[in-house]
Amino acid sequence: MLSKEKLARINELSKKSKSVGLTIEEAKEQTKLRSEYLTTFRKSMSDTIEHLTVIDPNGNDVTPEKLKAIKNKNKLH
């Protein structure tokens, strides 16, 4: 997860870009922070999905085969 300081900085730069604009250095920093945020978000979402099991109303495991294959692959590593 991204630190509170980095999230605050992302928001600060976003507000500044909408009001007065960013310097070249600030724009580069914003791009770097956004990229880091997206990488962290995608990893977190991927981890969450890979640990899901889908159960139908009858109690049967109906987890998609693709997800089962990913889970099995991760167990081996």
PDB file of N, CA and C in Angstrom:
ATOM      1  N   MET A   1       0.836  -1.177   0.000  1.00  0.00           N
ATOM      2  CA  MET A   1       0.000   0.000   0.000  1.00  0.00           C
ATOM      3  C   MET A   1       0.883   1.243   0.000  1.00  0.00           C
ATOM      4  N   LEU A   2       0.438   2.254  -0.678  1.00  0.00           N
ATOM      5  CA  LEU A   2       1.176   3.505  -0.755  1.00  0.00           C
ATOM      6  C   LEU A   2       1.053   4.261   0.565  1.00  0.00           C
ATOM      7  N   SER A   3       2.112   4.923   0.963  1.00  0.00           N
ATOM      8  CA  SER A   3       2.097   5.649   2.233  1.00  0.00           C
ATOM      9  C   SER A   3       1.124   6.822   2.189  1.00  0.00           C
ATOM     10  N   LYS A   4       0.677   7.228   3.357  1.00  0.00           N
ATOM     11  CA  LYS A   4      -0.250   8.358   3.455  1.00  0.00           C
ATOM     12  C   LYS A   4       0.387   9.631   2.910  1.00  0.00           C
ATOM     13  N   GLU A   5       1.689   9.762   3.108  1.00  0.00           N
ATOM     14  CA  GLU A   5       2.399  10.945   2.629  1.00  0.00           C
ATOM     15  C   GLU A   5       2.377  11.012   1.102  1.00  0.00           C
ATOM     16  N   LYS A   6       2.596   9.864   0.472  1.00  0.00           N
ATOM     17  CA  LYS A   6       2.602   9.834  -0.994  1.00  0.00           C
ATOM     18  C   LYS A   6       1.199  10.103  -1.547  1.00  0.00           C
ATOM     19  N   LEU A   7       0.183   9.524  -0.913  1.00  0.00           N
ATOM     20  CA  LEU A   7      -1.188   9.785  -1.347  1.00  0.00           C
ATOM     21  C   LEU A   7      -1.540  11.258  -1.190  1.00  0.00           C
ATOM     22  N   ALA A   8      -1.113  11.839  -0.078  1.00  0.00           N
ATOM     23  CA  ALA A   8      -1.367  13.259   0.153  1.00  0.00           C
ATOM     24  C   ALA A   8      -0.660  14.100  -0.906  1.00  0.00           C
ATOM     25  N   ARG A   9       0.550  13.703  -1.266  1.00  0.00           N
ATOM     26  CA  ARG A   9       1.310  14.449  -2.279  1.00  0.00           C
ATOM     27  C   ARG A   9       0.637  14.335  -3.654  1.00  0.00           C
ATOM     28  N   ILE A  10       0.128  13.152  -3.984  1.00  0.00           N
ATOM     29  CA  ILE A  10      -0.601  12.976  -5.248  1.00  0.00           C
ATOM     30  C   ILE A  10      -1.785  13.934  -5.296  1.00  0.00           C
ATOM     31  N   ASN A  11      -2.545  13.980  -4.210  1.00  0.00           N
ATOM     32  CA  ASN A  11      -3.714  14.864  -4.149  1.00  0.00           C
ATOM     33  C   ASN A  11      -3.310  16.336  -4.216  1.00  0.00           C
ATOM     34  N   GLU A  12      -2.236  16.674  -3.535  1.00  0.00           N
ATOM     35  CA  GLU A  12      -1.739  18.055  -3.541  1.00  0.00           C
ATOM     36  C   GLU A  12      -1.345  18.489  -4.950  1.00  0.00           C
ATOM     37  N   LEU A  13      -0.614  17.630  -5.645  1.00  0.00           N
ATOM     38  CA  LEU A  13      -0.188  17.948  -7.004  1.00  0.00           C
ATOM     39  C   LEU A  13      -1.381  18.025  -7.949  1.00  0.00           C
ATOM     40  N   SER A  14      -2.369  17.174  -7.742  1.00  0.00           N
ATOM     41  CA  SER A  14      -3.561  17.202  -8.576  1.00  0.00           C
ATOM     42  C   SER A  14      -4.309  18.521  -8.411  1.00  0.00           C
ATOM     43  N   LYS A  15      -4.480  18.954  -7.184  1.00  0.00           N
ATOM     44  CA  LYS A  15      -5.165  20.221  -6.927  1.00  0.00           C
ATOM     45  C   LYS A  15      -4.391  21.391  -7.529  1.00  0.00           C
ATOM     46  N   LYS A  16      -3.064  21.341  -7.366  1.00  0.00           N
ATOM     47  CA  LYS A  16      -2.239  22.421  -7.895  1.00  0.00           C
ATOM     48  C   LYS A  16      -2.297  22.459  -9.421  1.00  0.00           C
ATOM     49  N   SER A  17      -2.303  21.274 -10.046  1.00  0.00           N
ATOM     50  CA  SER A  17      -2.335  21.245 -11.516  1.00  0.00           C
ATOM     51  C   SER A  17      -3.638  21.836 -12.049  1.00  0.00           C
ATOM     52  N   LYS A  18      -4.722  21.667 -11.308  1.00  0.00           N
ATOM     53  CA  LYS A  18      -6.009  22.209 -11.732  1.00  0.00           C
ATOM     54  C   LYS A  18      -6.114  23.712 -11.485  1.00  0.00           C
ATOM     55  N   SER A  19      -5.403  24.199 -10.478  1.00  0.00           N
ATOM     56  CA  SER A  19      -5.539  25.618 -10.144  1.00  0.00           C
ATOM     57  C   SER A  19      -4.500  26.495 -10.845  1.00  0.00           C
ATOM     58  N   VAL A  20      -3.218  26.242 -10.596  1.00  0.00           N
ATOM     59  CA  VAL A  20      -2.188  27.126 -11.151  1.00  0.00           C
ATOM     60  C   VAL A  20      -1.240  26.441 -12.129  1.00  0.00           C
ATOM     61  N   GLY A  21      -1.298  25.118 -12.193  1.00  0.00           N
ATOM     62  CA  GLY A  21      -0.390  24.392 -13.074  1.00  0.00           C
ATOM     63  C   GLY A  21       0.837  23.899 -12.331  1.00  0.00           C
ATOM     64  N   LEU A  22       1.542  22.972 -12.944  1.00  0.00           N
ATOM     65  CA  LEU A  22       2.717  22.365 -12.338  1.00  0.00           C
ATOM     66  C   LEU A  22       3.989  22.754 -13.082  1.00  0.00           C
ATOM     67  N   THR A  23       5.082  22.797 -12.336  1.00  0.00           N
ATOM     68  CA  THR A  23       6.381  22.970 -12.973  1.00  0.00           C
ATOM     69  C   THR A  23       6.743  21.645 -13.639  1.00  0.00           C
ATOM     70  N   ILE A  24       7.769  21.655 -14.431  1.00  0.00           N
ATOM     71  CA  ILE A  24       8.212  20.425 -15.103  1.00  0.00           C
ATOM     72  C   ILE A  24       8.597  19.370 -14.073  1.00  0.00           C
ATOM     73  N   GLU A  25       9.290  19.789 -13.014  1.00  0.00           N
ATOM     74  CA  GLU A  25       9.702  18.848 -11.973  1.00  0.00           C
ATOM     75  C   GLU A  25       8.497  18.262 -11.250  1.00  0.00           C
ATOM     76  N   GLU A  26       7.514  19.103 -10.971  1.00  0.00           N
ATOM     77  CA  GLU A  26       6.310  18.628 -10.291  1.00  0.00           C
ATOM     78  C   GLU A  26       5.512  17.667 -11.178  1.00  0.00           C
ATOM     79  N   ALA A  27       5.462  17.961 -12.464  1.00  0.00           N
ATOM     80  CA  ALA A  27       4.756  17.087 -13.398  1.00  0.00           C
ATOM     81  C   ALA A  27       5.435  15.722 -13.462  1.00  0.00           C
ATOM     82  N   LYS A  28       6.759  15.703 -13.464  1.00  0.00           N
ATOM     83  CA  LYS A  28       7.500  14.442 -13.452  1.00  0.00           C
ATOM     84  C   LYS A  28       7.239  13.679 -12.156  1.00  0.00           C
ATOM     85  N   GLU A  29       7.235  14.394 -11.039  1.00  0.00           N
ATOM     86  CA  GLU A  29       6.959  13.770  -9.748  1.00  0.00           C
ATOM     87  C   GLU A  29       5.545  13.188  -9.733  1.00  0.00           C
ATOM     88  N   GLN A  30       4.591  13.935 -10.272  1.00  0.00           N
ATOM     89  CA  GLN A  30       3.204  13.477 -10.316  1.00  0.00           C
ATOM     90  C   GLN A  30       3.090  12.193 -11.148  1.00  0.00           C
ATOM     91  N   THR A  31       3.741  12.176 -12.292  1.00  0.00           N
ATOM     92  CA  THR A  31       3.720  10.999 -13.157  1.00  0.00           C
ATOM     93  C   THR A  31       4.312   9.797 -12.443  1.00  0.00           C
ATOM     94  N   LYS A  32       5.431   9.999 -11.769  1.00  0.00           N
ATOM     95  CA  LYS A  32       6.091   8.913 -11.036  1.00  0.00           C
ATOM     96  C   LYS A  32       5.199   8.396  -9.909  1.00  0.00           C
ATOM     97  N   LEU A  33       4.602   9.302  -9.143  1.00  0.00           N
ATOM     98  CA  LEU A  33       3.739   8.904  -8.038  1.00  0.00           C
ATOM     99  C   LEU A  33       2.487   8.176  -8.536  1.00  0.00           C
ATOM    100  N   ARG A  34       1.902   8.664  -9.609  1.00  0.00           N
ATOM    101  CA  ARG A  34       0.714   8.006 -10.175  1.00  0.00           C
ATOM    102  C   ARG A  34       1.055   6.600 -10.660  1.00  0.00           C
ATOM    103  N   SER A  35       2.195   6.465 -11.291  1.00  0.00           N
ATOM    104  CA  SER A  35       2.630   5.160 -11.767  1.00  0.00           C
ATOM    105  C   SER A  35       2.827   4.194 -10.594  1.00  0.00           C
ATOM    106  N   GLU A  36       3.448   4.674  -9.552  1.00  0.00           N
ATOM    107  CA  GLU A  36       3.664   3.861  -8.350  1.00  0.00           C
ATOM    108  C   GLU A  36       2.320   3.464  -7.728  1.00  0.00           C
ATOM    109  N   TYR A  37       1.391   4.414  -7.686  1.00  0.00           N
ATOM    110  CA  TYR A  37       0.056   4.140  -7.149  1.00  0.00           C
ATOM    111  C   TYR A  37      -0.648   3.052  -7.962  1.00  0.00           C
ATOM    112  N   LEU A  38      -0.625   3.185  -9.287  1.00  0.00           N
ATOM    113  CA  LEU A  38      -1.291   2.212 -10.144  1.00  0.00           C
ATOM    114  C   LEU A  38      -0.671   0.825 -10.018  1.00  0.00           C
ATOM    115  N   THR A  39       0.634   0.754  -9.932  1.00  0.00           N
ATOM    116  CA  THR A  39       1.316  -0.528  -9.759  1.00  0.00           C
ATOM    117  C   THR A  39       0.878  -1.186  -8.461  1.00  0.00           C
ATOM    118  N   THR A  40       0.842  -0.408  -7.389  1.00  0.00           N
ATOM    119  CA  THR A  40       0.426  -0.921  -6.085  1.00  0.00           C
ATOM    120  C   THR A  40      -1.031  -1.370  -6.123  1.00  0.00           C
ATOM    121  N   PHE A  41      -1.892  -0.564  -6.728  1.00  0.00           N
ATOM    122  CA  PHE A  41      -3.314  -0.906  -6.829  1.00  0.00           C
ATOM    123  C   PHE A  41      -3.511  -2.198  -7.614  1.00  0.00           C
ATOM    124  N   ARG A  42      -2.850  -2.310  -8.754  1.00  0.00           N
ATOM    125  CA  ARG A  42      -3.001  -3.503  -9.594  1.00  0.00           C
ATOM    126  C   ARG A  42      -2.527  -4.757  -8.877  1.00  0.00           C
ATOM    127  N   LYS A  43      -1.423  -4.655  -8.163  1.00  0.00           N
ATOM    128  CA  LYS A  43      -0.896  -5.795  -7.406  1.00  0.00           C
ATOM    129  C   LYS A  43      -1.892  -6.207  -6.327  1.00  0.00           C
ATOM    130  N   SER A  44      -2.426  -5.245  -5.612  1.00  0.00           N
ATOM    131  CA  SER A  44      -3.395  -5.522  -4.565  1.00  0.00           C
ATOM    132  C   SER A  44      -4.651  -6.179  -5.132  1.00  0.00           C
ATOM    133  N   MET A  45      -5.146  -5.658  -6.230  1.00  0.00           N
ATOM    134  CA  MET A  45      -6.345  -6.219  -6.855  1.00  0.00           C
ATOM    135  C   MET A  45      -6.076  -7.632  -7.354  1.00  0.00           C
ATOM    136  N   SER A  46      -4.933  -7.845  -7.944  1.00  0.00           N
ATOM    137  CA  SER A  46      -4.566  -9.164  -8.438  1.00  0.00           C
ATOM    138  C   SER A  46      -4.498 -10.168  -7.281  1.00  0.00           C
ATOM    139  N   ASP A  47      -3.867  -9.779  -6.186  1.00  0.00           N
ATOM    140  CA  ASP A  47      -3.775 -10.653  -5.017  1.00  0.00           C
ATOM    141  C   ASP A  47      -5.163 -10.989  -4.479  1.00  0.00           C
ATOM    142  N   THR A  48      -6.039 -10.009  -4.439  1.00  0.00           N
ATOM    143  CA  THR A  48      -7.400 -10.230  -3.949  1.00  0.00           C
ATOM    144  C   THR A  48      -8.137 -11.228  -4.838  1.00  0.00           C
ATOM    145  N   ILE A  49      -8.084 -11.024  -6.138  1.00  0.00           N
ATOM    146  CA  ILE A  49      -8.787 -11.906  -7.073  1.00  0.00           C
ATOM    147  C   ILE A  49      -8.225 -13.323  -7.024  1.00  0.00           C
ATOM    148  N   GLU A  50      -6.900 -13.441  -6.905  1.00  0.00           N
ATOM    149  CA  GLU A  50      -6.280 -14.758  -6.901  1.00  0.00           C
ATOM    150  C   GLU A  50      -6.621 -15.571  -5.658  1.00  0.00           C
ATOM    151  N   HIS A  51      -7.150 -14.943  -4.636  1.00  0.00           N
ATOM    152  CA  HIS A  51      -7.515 -15.661  -3.418  1.00  0.00           C
ATOM    153  C   HIS A  51      -9.020 -15.877  -3.288  1.00  0.00           C
ATOM    154  N   LEU A  52      -9.769 -15.616  -4.345  1.00  0.00           N
ATOM    155  CA  LEU A  52     -11.216 -15.798  -4.335  1.00  0.00           C
ATOM    156  C   LEU A  52     -11.590 -17.233  -4.668  1.00  0.00           C
ATOM    157  N   THR A  53     -12.670 -17.661  -4.070  1.00  0.00           N
ATOM    158  CA  THR A  53     -13.321 -18.899  -4.461  1.00  0.00           C
ATOM    159  C   THR A  53     -14.782 -18.549  -4.685  1.00  0.00           C
ATOM    160  N   VAL A  54     -15.310 -18.943  -5.821  1.00  0.00           N
ATOM    161  CA  VAL A  54     -16.683 -18.614  -6.166  1.00  0.00           C
ATOM    162  C   VAL A  54     -17.564 -19.828  -5.851  1.00  0.00           C
ATOM    163  N   ILE A  55     -18.574 -19.602  -5.015  1.00  0.00           N
ATOM    164  CA  ILE A  55     -19.491 -20.661  -4.614  1.00  0.00           C
ATOM    165  C   ILE A  55     -20.893 -20.281  -5.084  1.00  0.00           C
ATOM    166  N   ASP A  56     -21.569 -21.216  -5.757  1.00  0.00           N
ATOM    167  CA  ASP A  56     -22.936 -20.931  -6.203  1.00  0.00           C
ATOM    168  C   ASP A  56     -23.924 -21.132  -5.044  1.00  0.00           C
ATOM    169  N   PRO A  57     -25.215 -20.784  -5.232  1.00  0.00           N
ATOM    170  CA  PRO A  57     -26.200 -20.904  -4.145  1.00  0.00           C
ATOM    171  C   PRO A  57     -26.360 -22.326  -3.601  1.00  0.00           C
ATOM    172  N   ASN A  58     -25.984 -23.332  -4.381  1.00  0.00           N
ATOM    173  CA  ASN A  58     -26.082 -24.729  -3.925  1.00  0.00           C
ATOM    174  C   ASN A  58     -24.846 -25.182  -3.157  1.00  0.00           C
ATOM    175  N   GLY A  59     -23.860 -24.311  -3.037  1.00  0.00           N
ATOM    176  CA  GLY A  59     -22.642 -24.653  -2.309  1.00  0.00           C
ATOM    177  C   GLY A  59     -21.559 -25.282  -3.159  1.00  0.00           C
ATOM    178  N   ASN A  60     -21.728 -25.270  -4.466  1.00  0.00           N
ATOM    179  CA  ASN A  60     -20.734 -25.849  -5.369  1.00  0.00           C
ATOM    180  C   ASN A  60     -19.667 -24.820  -5.720  1.00  0.00           C
ATOM    181  N   ASP A  61     -18.441 -25.300  -5.797  1.00  0.00           N
ATOM    182  CA  ASP A  61     -17.331 -24.431  -6.204  1.00  0.00           C
ATOM    183  C   ASP A  61     -17.431 -24.217  -7.710  1.00  0.00           C
ATOM    184  N   VAL A  62     -17.689 -22.981  -8.118  1.00  0.00           N
ATOM    185  CA  VAL A  62     -17.794 -22.650  -9.536  1.00  0.00           C
ATOM    186  C   VAL A  62     -16.719 -21.637  -9.941  1.00  0.00           C
ATOM    187  N   THR A  63     -15.597 -21.698  -9.244  1.00  0.00           N
ATOM    188  CA  THR A  63     -14.478 -20.809  -9.552  1.00  0.00           C
ATOM    189  C   THR A  63     -14.024 -21.083 -10.983  1.00  0.00           C
ATOM    190  N   PRO A  64     -13.838 -20.033 -11.795  1.00  0.00           N
ATOM    191  CA  PRO A  64     -13.389 -20.238 -13.177  1.00  0.00           C
ATOM    192  C   PRO A  64     -12.070 -21.022 -13.237  1.00  0.00           C
ATOM    193  N   GLU A  65     -11.962 -21.876 -14.239  1.00  0.00           N
ATOM    194  CA  GLU A  65     -10.772 -22.725 -14.400  1.00  0.00           C
ATOM    195  C   GLU A  65      -9.490 -21.899 -14.503  1.00  0.00           C
ATOM    196  N   LYS A  66      -9.582 -20.763 -15.150  1.00  0.00           N
ATOM    197  CA  LYS A  66      -8.401 -19.908 -15.294  1.00  0.00           C
ATOM    198  C   LYS A  66      -7.894 -19.465 -13.918  1.00  0.00           C
ATOM    199  N   LEU A  67      -8.815 -19.114 -13.030  1.00  0.00           N
ATOM    200  CA  LEU A  67      -8.439 -18.699 -11.679  1.00  0.00           C
ATOM    201  C   LEU A  67      -7.895 -19.876 -10.883  1.00  0.00           C
ATOM    202  N   LYS A  68      -8.493 -21.057 -11.048  1.00  0.00           N
ATOM    203  CA  LYS A  68      -7.992 -22.253 -10.367  1.00  0.00           C
ATOM    204  C   LYS A  68      -6.559 -22.555 -10.810  1.00  0.00           C
ATOM    205  N   ALA A  69      -6.288 -22.377 -12.103  1.00  0.00           N
ATOM    206  CA  ALA A  69      -4.945 -22.634 -12.625  1.00  0.00           C
ATOM    207  C   ALA A  69      -3.935 -21.660 -12.014  1.00  0.00           C
ATOM    208  N   ILE A  70      -4.332 -20.408 -11.870  1.00  0.00           N
ATOM    209  CA  ILE A  70      -3.436 -19.406 -11.270  1.00  0.00           C
ATOM    210  C   ILE A  70      -3.161 -19.769  -9.825  1.00  0.00           C
ATOM    211  N   LYS A  71      -4.203 -20.193  -9.083  1.00  0.00           N
ATOM    212  CA  LYS A  71      -4.030 -20.579  -7.681  1.00  0.00           C
ATOM    213  C   LYS A  71      -3.063 -21.760  -7.569  1.00  0.00           C
ATOM    214  N   ASN A  72      -3.253 -22.770  -8.434  1.00  0.00           N
ATOM    215  CA  ASN A  72      -2.364 -23.937  -8.402  1.00  0.00           C
ATOM    216  C   ASN A  72      -0.935 -23.565  -8.742  1.00  0.00           C
ATOM    217  N   LYS A  73      -0.762 -22.692  -9.690  1.00  0.00           N
ATOM    218  CA  LYS A  73       0.572 -22.234 -10.076  1.00  0.00           C
ATOM    219  C   LYS A  73       1.249 -21.524  -8.907  1.00  0.00           C
ATOM    220  N   ASN A  74       0.477 -20.689  -8.197  1.00  0.00           N
ATOM    221  CA  ASN A  74       1.028 -19.946  -7.054  1.00  0.00           C
ATOM    222  C   ASN A  74       1.375 -20.863  -5.895  1.00  0.00           C
ATOM    223  N   LYS A  75       0.629 -21.957  -5.739  1.00  0.00           N
ATOM    224  CA  LYS A  75       0.927 -22.906  -4.671  1.00  0.00           C
ATOM    225  C   LYS A  75       2.265 -23.596  -4.903  1.00  0.00           C
ATOM    226  N   LEU A  76       2.600 -23.800  -6.173  1.00  0.00           N
ATOM    227  CA  LEU A  76       3.848 -24.472  -6.511  1.00  0.00           C
ATOM    228  C   LEU A  76       5.073 -23.595  -6.286  1.00  0.00           C
ATOM    229  N   HIS A  77       4.875 -22.285  -6.286  1.00  0.00           N
ATOM    230  CA  HIS A  77       6.019 -21.374  -6.131  1.00  0.00           C
ATOM    231  C   HIS A  77       6.183 -21.008  -4.724  1.00  0.00           C
TER     232      HIS A  77
END
